């Protein structure tokens, strides 16, 4: 399969979004904090598990530039 962002999911983090108050800037700021936290968690998992990470299938989350 080809496309962008079609690989297995390593880790997911959910956070609340206020549909009435959020802006692109506030969402970008929240996302940046979550991404940094996930990065450190994944690096720790890689070190602890000697490079093996548990993954989940990516069910429909991807983009194929040919479509």
PDB file of N, CA and C in Angstrom:
ATOM      1  N   UNK A   1       0.858  -1.180   0.000  1.00  0.00           N
ATOM      2  CA  UNK A   1       0.000   0.000   0.000  1.00  0.00           C
ATOM      3  C   UNK A   1       0.898   1.235   0.000  1.00  0.00           C
ATOM      4  N   UNK A   2       0.513   2.231  -0.738  1.00  0.00           N
ATOM      5  CA  UNK A   2       1.276   3.468  -0.756  1.00  0.00           C
ATOM      6  C   UNK A   2       0.440   4.598  -0.204  1.00  0.00           C
ATOM      7  N   UNK A   3       1.087   5.644   0.168  1.00  0.00           N
ATOM      8  CA  UNK A   3       0.384   6.798   0.702  1.00  0.00           C
ATOM      9  C   UNK A   3       1.179   7.423   1.824  1.00  0.00           C
ATOM     10  N   UNK A   4       0.580   8.371   2.478  1.00  0.00           N
ATOM     11  CA  UNK A   4       1.218   9.098   3.569  1.00  0.00           C
ATOM     12  C   UNK A   4       0.525   8.734   4.868  1.00  0.00           C
ATOM     13  N   UNK A   5       1.323   8.463   5.878  1.00  0.00           N
ATOM     14  CA  UNK A   5       0.811   8.179   7.221  1.00  0.00           C
ATOM     15  C   UNK A   5      -0.077   6.935   7.231  1.00  0.00           C
ATOM     16  N   UNK A   6       0.412   5.857   6.636  1.00  0.00           N
ATOM     17  CA  UNK A   6      -0.384   4.628   6.552  1.00  0.00           C
ATOM     18  C   UNK A   6       0.178   3.505   7.427  1.00  0.00           C
ATOM     19  N   UNK A   7       1.258   3.788   8.140  1.00  0.00           N
ATOM     20  CA  UNK A   7       1.879   2.758   8.968  1.00  0.00           C
ATOM     21  C   UNK A   7       1.073   2.454  10.216  1.00  0.00           C
ATOM     22  N   UNK A   8       1.575   1.482  10.950  1.00  0.00           N
ATOM     23  CA  UNK A   8       0.924   1.084  12.198  1.00  0.00           C
ATOM     24  C   UNK A   8       0.960   2.217  13.218  1.00  0.00           C
ATOM     25  N   UNK A   9       0.001   2.219  14.127  1.00  0.00           N
ATOM     26  CA  UNK A   9      -0.097   3.231  15.178  1.00  0.00           C
ATOM     27  C   UNK A   9       0.763   2.782  16.361  1.00  0.00           C
ATOM     28  N   UNK A  10       1.659   3.644  16.808  1.00  0.00           N
ATOM     29  CA  UNK A  10       2.514   3.326  17.950  1.00  0.00           C
ATOM     30  C   UNK A  10       1.832   3.719  19.251  1.00  0.00           C
ATOM     31  N   UNK A  11       1.300   4.907  19.310  1.00  0.00           N
ATOM     32  CA  UNK A  11       0.699   5.395  20.550  1.00  0.00           C
ATOM     33  C   UNK A  11      -0.306   6.490  20.207  1.00  0.00           C
ATOM     34  N   UNK A  12      -1.370   6.580  20.995  1.00  0.00           N
ATOM     35  CA  UNK A  12      -2.413   7.585  20.785  1.00  0.00           C
ATOM     36  C   UNK A  12      -2.661   8.304  22.099  1.00  0.00           C
ATOM     37  N   UNK A  13      -2.896   9.583  22.011  1.00  0.00           N
ATOM     38  CA  UNK A  13      -3.269  10.365  23.185  1.00  0.00           C
ATOM     39  C   UNK A  13      -4.472  11.221  22.822  1.00  0.00           C
ATOM     40  N   UNK A  14      -5.490  11.164  23.633  1.00  0.00           N
ATOM     41  CA  UNK A  14      -6.703  11.947  23.410  1.00  0.00           C
ATOM     42  C   UNK A  14      -6.715  13.102  24.400  1.00  0.00           C
ATOM     43  N   UNK A  15      -7.205  14.237  23.965  1.00  0.00           N
ATOM     44  CA  UNK A  15      -7.345  15.377  24.867  1.00  0.00           C
ATOM     45  C   UNK A  15      -8.608  16.143  24.491  1.00  0.00           C
ATOM     46  N   UNK A  16      -9.199  16.846  25.467  1.00  0.00           N
ATOM     47  CA  UNK A  16     -10.462  17.541  25.208  1.00  0.00           C
ATOM     48  C   UNK A  16     -10.273  18.741  24.282  1.00  0.00           C
ATOM     49  N   UNK A  17     -11.277  18.987  23.465  1.00  0.00           N
ATOM     50  CA  UNK A  17     -11.312  20.149  22.583  1.00  0.00           C
ATOM     51  C   UNK A  17     -12.618  20.889  22.851  1.00  0.00           C
ATOM     52  N   UNK A  18     -12.503  22.142  23.170  1.00  0.00           N
ATOM     53  CA  UNK A  18     -13.684  22.978  23.378  1.00  0.00           C
ATOM     54  C   UNK A  18     -14.101  23.524  22.018  1.00  0.00           C
ATOM     55  N   UNK A  19     -15.152  22.960  21.456  1.00  0.00           N
ATOM     56  CA  UNK A  19     -15.581  23.298  20.102  1.00  0.00           C
ATOM     57  C   UNK A  19     -15.953  24.775  19.937  1.00  0.00           C
ATOM     58  N   UNK A  20     -16.334  25.417  21.011  1.00  0.00           N
ATOM     59  CA  UNK A  20     -16.751  26.812  20.921  1.00  0.00           C
ATOM     60  C   UNK A  20     -15.608  27.803  21.143  1.00  0.00           C
ATOM     61  N   UNK A  21     -14.580  27.385  21.853  1.00  0.00           N
ATOM     62  CA  UNK A  21     -13.523  28.315  22.241  1.00  0.00           C
ATOM     63  C   UNK A  21     -12.175  28.080  21.564  1.00  0.00           C
ATOM     64  N   UNK A  22     -11.925  26.879  21.068  1.00  0.00           N
ATOM     65  CA  UNK A  22     -10.606  26.565  20.508  1.00  0.00           C
ATOM     66  C   UNK A  22     -10.347  27.336  19.220  1.00  0.00           C
ATOM     67  N   UNK A  23      -9.102  27.702  19.051  1.00  0.00           N
ATOM     68  CA  UNK A  23      -8.644  28.331  17.807  1.00  0.00           C
ATOM     69  C   UNK A  23      -7.547  27.444  17.226  1.00  0.00           C
ATOM     70  N   UNK A  24      -7.142  27.730  16.018  1.00  0.00           N
ATOM     71  CA  UNK A  24      -6.032  26.984  15.427  1.00  0.00           C
ATOM     72  C   UNK A  24      -4.791  27.112  16.310  1.00  0.00           C
ATOM     73  N   UNK A  25      -4.549  28.290  16.858  1.00  0.00           N
ATOM     74  CA  UNK A  25      -3.380  28.518  17.694  1.00  0.00           C
ATOM     75  C   UNK A  25      -3.460  27.729  19.005  1.00  0.00           C
ATOM     76  N   UNK A  26      -4.631  27.721  19.649  1.00  0.00           N
ATOM     77  CA  UNK A  26      -4.753  26.990  20.916  1.00  0.00           C
ATOM     78  C   UNK A  26      -4.636  25.482  20.691  1.00  0.00           C
ATOM     79  N   UNK A  27      -5.193  24.987  19.585  1.00  0.00           N
ATOM     80  CA  UNK A  27      -5.073  23.559  19.274  1.00  0.00           C
ATOM     81  C   UNK A  27      -3.628  23.179  18.946  1.00  0.00           C
ATOM     82  N   UNK A  28      -2.942  24.048  18.226  1.00  0.00           N
ATOM     83  CA  UNK A  28      -1.539  23.781  17.903  1.00  0.00           C
ATOM     84  C   UNK A  28      -0.711  23.723  19.177  1.00  0.00           C
ATOM     85  N   UNK A  29      -0.989  24.606  20.110  1.00  0.00           N
ATOM     86  CA  UNK A  29      -0.266  24.630  21.376  1.00  0.00           C
ATOM     87  C   UNK A  29      -0.534  23.363  22.190  1.00  0.00           C
ATOM     88  N   UNK A  30      -1.792  22.968  22.298  1.00  0.00           N
ATOM     89  CA  UNK A  30      -2.146  21.733  23.015  1.00  0.00           C
ATOM     90  C   UNK A  30      -1.484  20.524  22.356  1.00  0.00           C
ATOM     91  N   UNK A  31      -1.551  20.486  21.031  1.00  0.00           N
ATOM     92  CA  UNK A  31      -0.992  19.356  20.295  1.00  0.00           C
ATOM     93  C   UNK A  31       0.514  19.264  20.497  1.00  0.00           C
ATOM     94  N   UNK A  32       1.197  20.408  20.495  1.00  0.00           N
ATOM     95  CA  UNK A  32       2.648  20.418  20.691  1.00  0.00           C
ATOM     96  C   UNK A  32       3.018  19.793  22.033  1.00  0.00           C
ATOM     97  N   UNK A  33       2.275  20.128  23.083  1.00  0.00           N
ATOM     98  CA  UNK A  33       2.537  19.561  24.408  1.00  0.00           C
ATOM     99  C   UNK A  33       2.331  18.044  24.403  1.00  0.00           C
ATOM    100  N   UNK A  34       1.264  17.586  23.773  1.00  0.00           N
ATOM    101  CA  UNK A  34       0.955  16.156  23.718  1.00  0.00           C
ATOM    102  C   UNK A  34       2.008  15.417  22.900  1.00  0.00           C
ATOM    103  N   UNK A  35       2.422  15.991  21.770  1.00  0.00           N
ATOM    104  CA  UNK A  35       3.434  15.347  20.926  1.00  0.00           C
ATOM    105  C   UNK A  35       4.742  15.172  21.685  1.00  0.00           C
ATOM    106  N   UNK A  36       5.160  16.183  22.433  1.00  0.00           N
ATOM    107  CA  UNK A  36       6.399  16.081  23.193  1.00  0.00           C
ATOM    108  C   UNK A  36       6.302  14.982  24.253  1.00  0.00           C
ATOM    109  N   UNK A  37       5.183  14.926  24.946  1.00  0.00           N
ATOM    110  CA  UNK A  37       4.965  13.879  25.950  1.00  0.00           C
ATOM    111  C   UNK A  37       4.992  12.487  25.300  1.00  0.00           C
ATOM    112  N   UNK A  38       4.317  12.334  24.158  1.00  0.00           N
ATOM    113  CA  UNK A  38       4.317  11.049  23.454  1.00  0.00           C
ATOM    114  C   UNK A  38       5.718  10.675  22.989  1.00  0.00           C
ATOM    115  N   UNK A  39       6.485  11.643  22.517  1.00  0.00           N
ATOM    116  CA  UNK A  39       7.853  11.386  22.079  1.00  0.00           C
ATOM    117  C   UNK A  39       8.661  10.755  23.204  1.00  0.00           C
ATOM    118  N   UNK A  40       8.630  11.364  24.394  1.00  0.00           N
ATOM    119  CA  UNK A  40       9.399  10.823  25.514  1.00  0.00           C
ATOM    120  C   UNK A  40       8.896   9.443  25.935  1.00  0.00           C
ATOM    121  N   UNK A  41       7.591   9.216  25.874  1.00  0.00           N
ATOM    122  CA  UNK A  41       7.048   7.897  26.204  1.00  0.00           C
ATOM    123  C   UNK A  41       7.544   6.845  25.213  1.00  0.00           C
ATOM    124  N   UNK A  42       7.525   7.175  23.926  1.00  0.00           N
ATOM    125  CA  UNK A  42       7.942   6.220  22.895  1.00  0.00           C
ATOM    126  C   UNK A  42       9.447   5.940  23.010  1.00  0.00           C
ATOM    127  N   UNK A  43      10.249   6.968  23.230  1.00  0.00           N
ATOM    128  CA  UNK A  43      11.695   6.754  23.397  1.00  0.00           C
ATOM    129  C   UNK A  43      11.950   5.844  24.593  1.00  0.00           C
ATOM    130  N   UNK A  44      11.248   6.077  25.675  1.00  0.00           N
ATOM    131  CA  UNK A  44      11.380   5.218  26.856  1.00  0.00           C
ATOM    132  C   UNK A  44      10.979   3.782  26.541  1.00  0.00           C
ATOM    133  N   UNK A  45       9.889   3.623  25.798  1.00  0.00           N
ATOM    134  CA  UNK A  45       9.437   2.274  25.402  1.00  0.00           C
ATOM    135  C   UNK A  45      10.475   1.587  24.523  1.00  0.00           C
ATOM    136  N   UNK A  46      11.098   2.327  23.620  1.00  0.00           N
ATOM    137  CA  UNK A  46      12.119   1.741  22.746  1.00  0.00           C
ATOM    138  C   UNK A  46      13.303   1.255  23.574  1.00  0.00           C
ATOM    139  N   UNK A  47      13.748   2.065  24.512  1.00  0.00           N
ATOM    140  CA  UNK A  47      14.894   1.691  25.354  1.00  0.00           C
ATOM    141  C   UNK A  47      14.534   0.495  26.236  1.00  0.00           C
ATOM    142  N   UNK A  48      13.373   0.549  26.856  1.00  0.00           N
ATOM    143  CA  UNK A  48      12.946  -0.520  27.757  1.00  0.00           C
ATOM    144  C   UNK A  48      12.745  -1.845  27.023  1.00  0.00           C
ATOM    145  N   UNK A  49      12.179  -1.792  25.814  1.00  0.00           N
ATOM    146  CA  UNK A  49      11.840  -3.005  25.074  1.00  0.00           C
ATOM    147  C   UNK A  49      12.852  -3.339  23.977  1.00  0.00           C
ATOM    148  N   UNK A  50      14.036  -2.752  24.069  1.00  0.00           N
ATOM    149  CA  UNK A  50      15.116  -3.013  23.114  1.00  0.00           C
ATOM    150  C   UNK A  50      14.668  -2.844  21.662  1.00  0.00           C
ATOM    151  N   UNK A  51      13.948  -1.763  21.387  1.00  0.00           N
ATOM    152  CA  UNK A  51      13.563  -1.433  20.023  1.00  0.00           C
ATOM    153  C   UNK A  51      12.246  -2.005  19.558  1.00  0.00           C
ATOM    154  N   UNK A  52      11.625  -2.853  20.333  1.00  0.00           N
ATOM    155  CA  UNK A  52      10.337  -3.437  19.930  1.00  0.00           C
ATOM    156  C   UNK A  52       9.205  -2.636  20.545  1.00  0.00           C
ATOM    157  N   UNK A  53       8.301  -2.200  19.679  1.00  0.00           N
ATOM    158  CA  UNK A  53       7.158  -1.417  20.138  1.00  0.00           C
ATOM    159  C   UNK A  53       5.861  -2.145  19.823  1.00  0.00           C
ATOM    160  N   UNK A  54       4.954  -2.098  20.768  1.00  0.00           N
ATOM    161  CA  UNK A  54       3.605  -2.610  20.505  1.00  0.00           C
ATOM    162  C   UNK A  54       2.923  -1.634  19.557  1.00  0.00           C
ATOM    163  N   UNK A  55       2.209  -2.154  18.572  1.00  0.00           N
ATOM    164  CA  UNK A  55       1.505  -1.295  17.613  1.00  0.00           C
ATOM    165  C   UNK A  55       0.066  -1.757  17.441  1.00  0.00           C
ATOM    166  N   UNK A  56      -0.721  -0.887  16.842  1.00  0.00           N
ATOM    167  CA  UNK A  56      -2.105  -1.197  16.473  1.00  0.00           C
ATOM    168  C   UNK A  56      -2.262  -0.906  14.986  1.00  0.00           C
ATOM    169  N   UNK A  57      -3.159  -1.619  14.312  1.00  0.00           N
ATOM    170  CA  UNK A  57      -3.365  -1.348  12.890  1.00  0.00           C
ATOM    171  C   UNK A  57      -3.898   0.061  12.655  1.00  0.00           C
ATOM    172  N   UNK A  58      -3.509   0.647  11.554  1.00  0.00           N
ATOM    173  CA  UNK A  58      -4.020   1.946  11.130  1.00  0.00           C
ATOM    174  C   UNK A  58      -5.239   1.680  10.260  1.00  0.00           C
ATOM    175  N   UNK A  59      -6.412   1.866  10.822  1.00  0.00           N
ATOM    176  CA  UNK A  59      -7.653   1.558  10.114  1.00  0.00           C
ATOM    177  C   UNK A  59      -8.208   2.799   9.432  1.00  0.00           C
ATOM    178  N   UNK A  60      -7.766   3.028   8.216  1.00  0.00           N
ATOM    179  CA  UNK A  60      -8.317   4.104   7.419  1.00  0.00           C
ATOM    180  C   UNK A  60      -7.670   5.463   7.605  1.00  0.00           C
ATOM    181  N   UNK A  61      -6.683   5.578   8.466  1.00  0.00           N
ATOM    182  CA  UNK A  61      -6.058   6.884   8.681  1.00  0.00           C
ATOM    183  C   UNK A  61      -4.849   7.063   7.791  1.00  0.00           C
ATOM    184  N   UNK A  62      -5.038   7.601   6.650  1.00  0.00           N
ATOM    185  CA  UNK A  62      -3.924   7.840   5.747  1.00  0.00           C
ATOM    186  C   UNK A  62      -4.370   8.699   4.586  1.00  0.00           C
ATOM    187  N   UNK A  63      -3.427   9.075   3.783  1.00  0.00           N
ATOM    188  CA  UNK A  63      -3.735   9.922   2.640  1.00  0.00           C
ATOM    189  C   UNK A  63      -2.926   9.441   1.453  1.00  0.00           C
ATOM    190  N   UNK A  64      -3.579   9.181   0.358  1.00  0.00           N
ATOM    191  CA  UNK A  64      -2.911   8.754  -0.866  1.00  0.00           C
ATOM    192  C   UNK A  64      -2.986   9.911  -1.851  1.00  0.00           C
ATOM    193  N   UNK A  65      -1.839  10.504  -2.192  1.00  0.00           N
ATOM    194  CA  UNK A  65      -1.860  11.652  -3.094  1.00  0.00           C
ATOM    195  C   UNK A  65      -2.378  11.318  -4.496  1.00  0.00           C
ATOM    196  N   UNK A  66      -2.467  10.048  -4.833  1.00  0.00           N
ATOM    197  CA  UNK A  66      -2.974   9.654  -6.155  1.00  0.00           C
ATOM    198  C   UNK A  66      -4.495   9.748  -6.224  1.00  0.00           C
ATOM    199  N   UNK A  67      -5.150   9.832  -5.076  1.00  0.00           N
ATOM    200  CA  UNK A  67      -6.630   9.895  -5.044  1.00  0.00           C
ATOM    201  C   UNK A  67      -7.139  11.289  -4.868  1.00  0.00           C
TER     202      UNK A  67
END
